[in-house]
Amino acid sequence: MLKLRSLDLVVTTILLAVGIAQFVGGYTMDRLEVRHIHPASIPGLLPMFLGFAITLVAIFQLYGLYQARLGADDNRPSGAIDRTELGRLLGLIALCAVYALFLVGRIHFWVASSLFVACFIMIFELHRDMTRRAMAITTARAVIIAVVFGGAISYLFEDLFLVRLP
């Protein structure tokens, strides 16, 4: 078991800083009043909303960490992670890096996104103690969800939001 209380605090503090920076960045973005853009459709609205949400979640997490520290019992494995969970976390980090650094921009966006989603689902849903039938069903479900998601996100951005995807 690996103790992660200090890591939780570091990650939460980083998320708090990212959330605040994203909110401020969205707020200071150009408003495009010259083009008579409606205030509800300003370019910084989504980054502001996401920054606020990240900040709020980080504050709740900090509060939870504070509460856990107040009631901490040194004999219980609170804040501990086992090797399987750590492996999944590292697998997820590697998957995100492969997606961002190697897939996006080299293959069509919907294919890259579909591969990412399928792998993500399989990393977190497949277990060694599953039967072959359960593994096959989970894998098929992951592929179906991934293809639908990849197509939907591409359609949403390219055709509805008119964003040119890599």
Protein backbone atom coordinates (compact mmCIF):
# COMPACT_ATOMS: atom_id res chain seq x y z
CA MET A 1 0.00 0.00 0.00
CA LEU A 2 1.20 3.48 -0.90
CA LYS A 3 0.13 6.48 1.20
CA LEU A 4 -1.20 9.27 -0.97
CA ARG A 5 -2.40 11.94 1.47
CA SER A 6 0.41 14.35 0.53
CA LEU A 7 -0.05 13.55 -3.16
CA ASP A 8 -3.78 14.26 -2.83
CA LEU A 9 -2.96 17.64 -1.34
CA VAL A 10 -0.46 18.46 -4.12
CA VAL A 11 -2.84 17.41 -6.92
CA THR A 12 -5.76 19.26 -5.32
CA THR A 13 -3.67 22.43 -4.95
CA ILE A 14 -2.61 22.19 -8.59
CA LEU A 15 -6.24 21.71 -9.67
CA LEU A 16 -7.25 24.71 -7.59
CA ALA A 17 -4.60 26.85 -9.31
CA VAL A 18 -5.60 25.54 -12.76
CA GLY A 19 -9.27 26.22 -12.07
CA ILE A 20 -8.63 29.77 -10.93
CA ALA A 21 -6.28 30.45 -13.85
CA GLN A 22 -8.80 29.05 -16.33
CA PHE A 23 -11.60 31.18 -14.88
CA VAL A 24 -9.46 34.33 -15.00
CA GLY A 25 -8.29 33.49 -18.54
CA GLY A 26 -11.87 33.03 -19.72
CA TYR A 27 -12.95 36.26 -18.03
CA THR A 28 -10.17 38.28 -19.65
CA MET A 29 -10.77 36.84 -23.12
CA ASP A 30 -11.90 39.27 -25.83
CA ARG A 31 -15.67 39.88 -25.72
CA LEU A 32 -16.09 40.61 -29.45
CA GLU A 33 -18.50 43.51 -28.85
CA VAL A 34 -17.36 44.97 -32.17
CA ARG A 35 -19.11 42.10 -33.93
CA HIS A 36 -22.24 42.53 -31.80
CA ILE A 37 -21.83 39.11 -30.18
CA HIS A 38 -24.52 38.30 -27.61
CA PRO A 39 -23.05 38.24 -24.07
CA ALA A 40 -24.24 34.64 -23.57
CA SER A 41 -22.05 33.48 -26.46
CA ILE A 42 -18.76 35.15 -25.55
CA PRO A 43 -15.73 32.96 -26.31
CA GLY A 44 -14.61 32.87 -22.66
CA LEU A 45 -17.90 31.61 -21.25
CA LEU A 46 -17.10 27.89 -21.41
CA PRO A 47 -13.55 28.27 -20.00
CA MET A 48 -14.99 30.39 -17.19
CA PHE A 49 -17.61 27.77 -16.40
CA LEU A 50 -15.08 24.92 -16.48
CA GLY A 51 -12.61 26.91 -14.38
CA PHE A 52 -15.33 27.59 -11.82
CA ALA A 53 -16.29 23.89 -11.73
CA ILE A 54 -12.66 22.76 -11.31
CA THR A 55 -12.15 25.33 -8.55
CA LEU A 56 -15.32 24.24 -6.76
CA VAL A 57 -14.37 20.56 -6.90
CA ALA A 58 -10.85 21.37 -5.65
CA ILE A 59 -12.31 23.32 -2.72
CA PHE A 60 -14.56 20.38 -1.82
CA GLN A 61 -11.57 18.04 -2.08
CA LEU A 62 -9.47 20.30 0.16
CA TYR A 63 -12.29 20.34 2.68
CA GLY A 64 -12.51 16.54 2.55
CA LEU A 65 -8.75 16.23 3.04
CA TYR A 66 -8.96 18.60 6.00
CA GLN A 67 -11.81 16.58 7.52
CA ALA A 68 -9.90 13.33 6.98
CA ARG A 69 -6.85 14.82 8.66
CA LEU A 70 -8.89 15.87 11.69
CA GLY A 71 -10.31 12.38 12.13
CA ALA A 72 -7.20 10.51 10.99
CA ASP A 73 -6.35 7.29 12.74
CA ASP A 74 -2.79 6.20 12.06
CA ASN A 75 -3.78 2.52 12.19
CA ARG A 76 -6.25 2.60 9.29
CA PRO A 77 -5.14 2.65 5.64
CA SER A 78 -7.08 5.80 4.76
CA GLY A 79 -5.71 7.51 1.68
CA ALA A 80 -3.93 4.34 0.58
CA ILE A 81 -3.92 2.91 -2.91
CA ASP A 82 -3.09 -0.64 -3.92
CA ARG A 83 -0.81 -1.66 -6.78
CA THR A 84 -3.69 -2.45 -9.14
CA GLU A 85 -5.15 1.03 -8.74
CA LEU A 86 -1.71 2.60 -9.11
CA GLY A 87 -1.18 0.57 -12.30
CA ARG A 88 -4.51 1.79 -13.67
CA LEU A 89 -3.63 5.37 -12.80
CA LEU A 90 -0.26 5.11 -14.56
CA GLY A 91 -1.98 3.40 -17.50
CA LEU A 92 -4.42 6.28 -17.73
CA ILE A 93 -1.60 8.84 -17.68
CA ALA A 94 0.19 6.91 -20.44
CA LEU A 95 -3.05 6.65 -22.44
CA CYS A 96 -3.64 10.42 -22.19
CA ALA A 97 -0.06 11.09 -23.29
CA VAL A 98 -0.34 8.74 -26.29
CA TYR A 99 -3.66 10.33 -27.28
CA ALA A 100 -2.41 13.91 -27.04
CA LEU A 101 1.13 13.43 -28.36
CA PHE A 102 0.81 10.72 -30.99
CA LEU A 103 -2.79 10.09 -32.07
CA VAL A 104 -4.42 13.52 -32.40
CA GLY A 105 -3.22 15.14 -35.60
CA ARG A 106 -1.80 11.95 -37.11
CA ILE A 107 -5.02 10.03 -37.62
CA HIS A 108 -8.57 11.31 -38.04
CA PHE A 109 -9.89 12.88 -34.83
CA TRP A 110 -12.89 10.56 -34.47
CA VAL A 111 -10.65 7.48 -34.78
CA ALA A 112 -8.18 8.82 -32.20
CA SER A 113 -11.01 9.73 -29.81
CA SER A 114 -12.70 6.37 -30.30
CA LEU A 115 -9.46 4.53 -29.54
CA PHE A 116 -8.94 6.66 -26.44
CA VAL A 117 -12.46 6.03 -25.11
CA ALA A 118 -12.33 2.28 -25.81
CA CYS A 119 -8.97 1.92 -24.06
CA PHE A 120 -10.13 4.08 -21.15
CA ILE A 121 -13.21 1.95 -20.58
CA MET A 122 -11.23 -1.28 -20.83
CA ILE A 123 -8.54 -0.06 -18.41
CA PHE A 124 -11.12 0.66 -15.73
CA GLU A 125 -13.73 -2.03 -16.43
CA LEU A 126 -11.74 -5.19 -17.19
CA HIS A 127 -10.55 -7.27 -14.22
CA ARG A 128 -8.55 -10.49 -14.01
CA ASP A 129 -11.29 -12.32 -12.13
CA MET A 130 -13.89 -11.72 -14.87
CA THR A 131 -15.14 -14.62 -16.96
CA ARG A 132 -14.31 -14.69 -20.67
CA ARG A 133 -17.92 -13.96 -21.50
CA ALA A 134 -17.98 -10.91 -19.21
CA MET A 135 -14.69 -9.70 -20.73
CA ALA A 136 -16.09 -10.11 -24.25
CA ILE A 137 -19.27 -8.22 -23.34
CA THR A 138 -17.31 -5.43 -21.65
CA THR A 139 -14.95 -5.13 -24.62
CA ALA A 140 -17.84 -5.06 -27.12
CA ARG A 141 -19.64 -2.45 -25.02
CA ALA A 142 -16.44 -0.36 -24.86
CA VAL A 143 -16.02 -0.47 -28.63
CA ILE A 144 -19.66 0.47 -29.28
CA ILE A 145 -19.56 3.35 -26.81
CA ALA A 146 -16.23 4.51 -28.24
CA VAL A 147 -17.42 4.54 -31.85
CA VAL A 148 -20.63 6.37 -30.94
CA PHE A 149 -18.73 8.87 -28.77
CA GLY A 150 -16.01 9.45 -31.40
CA GLY A 151 -18.58 10.07 -34.11
CA ALA A 152 -20.78 12.25 -31.92
CA ILE A 153 -17.98 14.48 -30.70
CA SER A 154 -16.63 14.92 -34.23
CA TYR A 155 -20.10 15.78 -35.54
CA LEU A 156 -20.74 18.17 -32.67
CA PHE A 157 -17.54 20.14 -33.15
CA GLU A 158 -17.12 20.00 -36.93
CA ASP A 159 -20.72 20.39 -38.07
CA LEU A 160 -22.50 22.21 -35.24
CA PHE A 161 -19.76 24.35 -33.69
CA LEU A 162 -17.86 24.68 -37.01
CA VAL A 163 -14.53 23.93 -35.34
CA ARG A 164 -11.86 22.49 -37.59
CA LEU A 165 -10.51 19.41 -35.81
CA PRO A 166 -7.01 18.01 -36.35
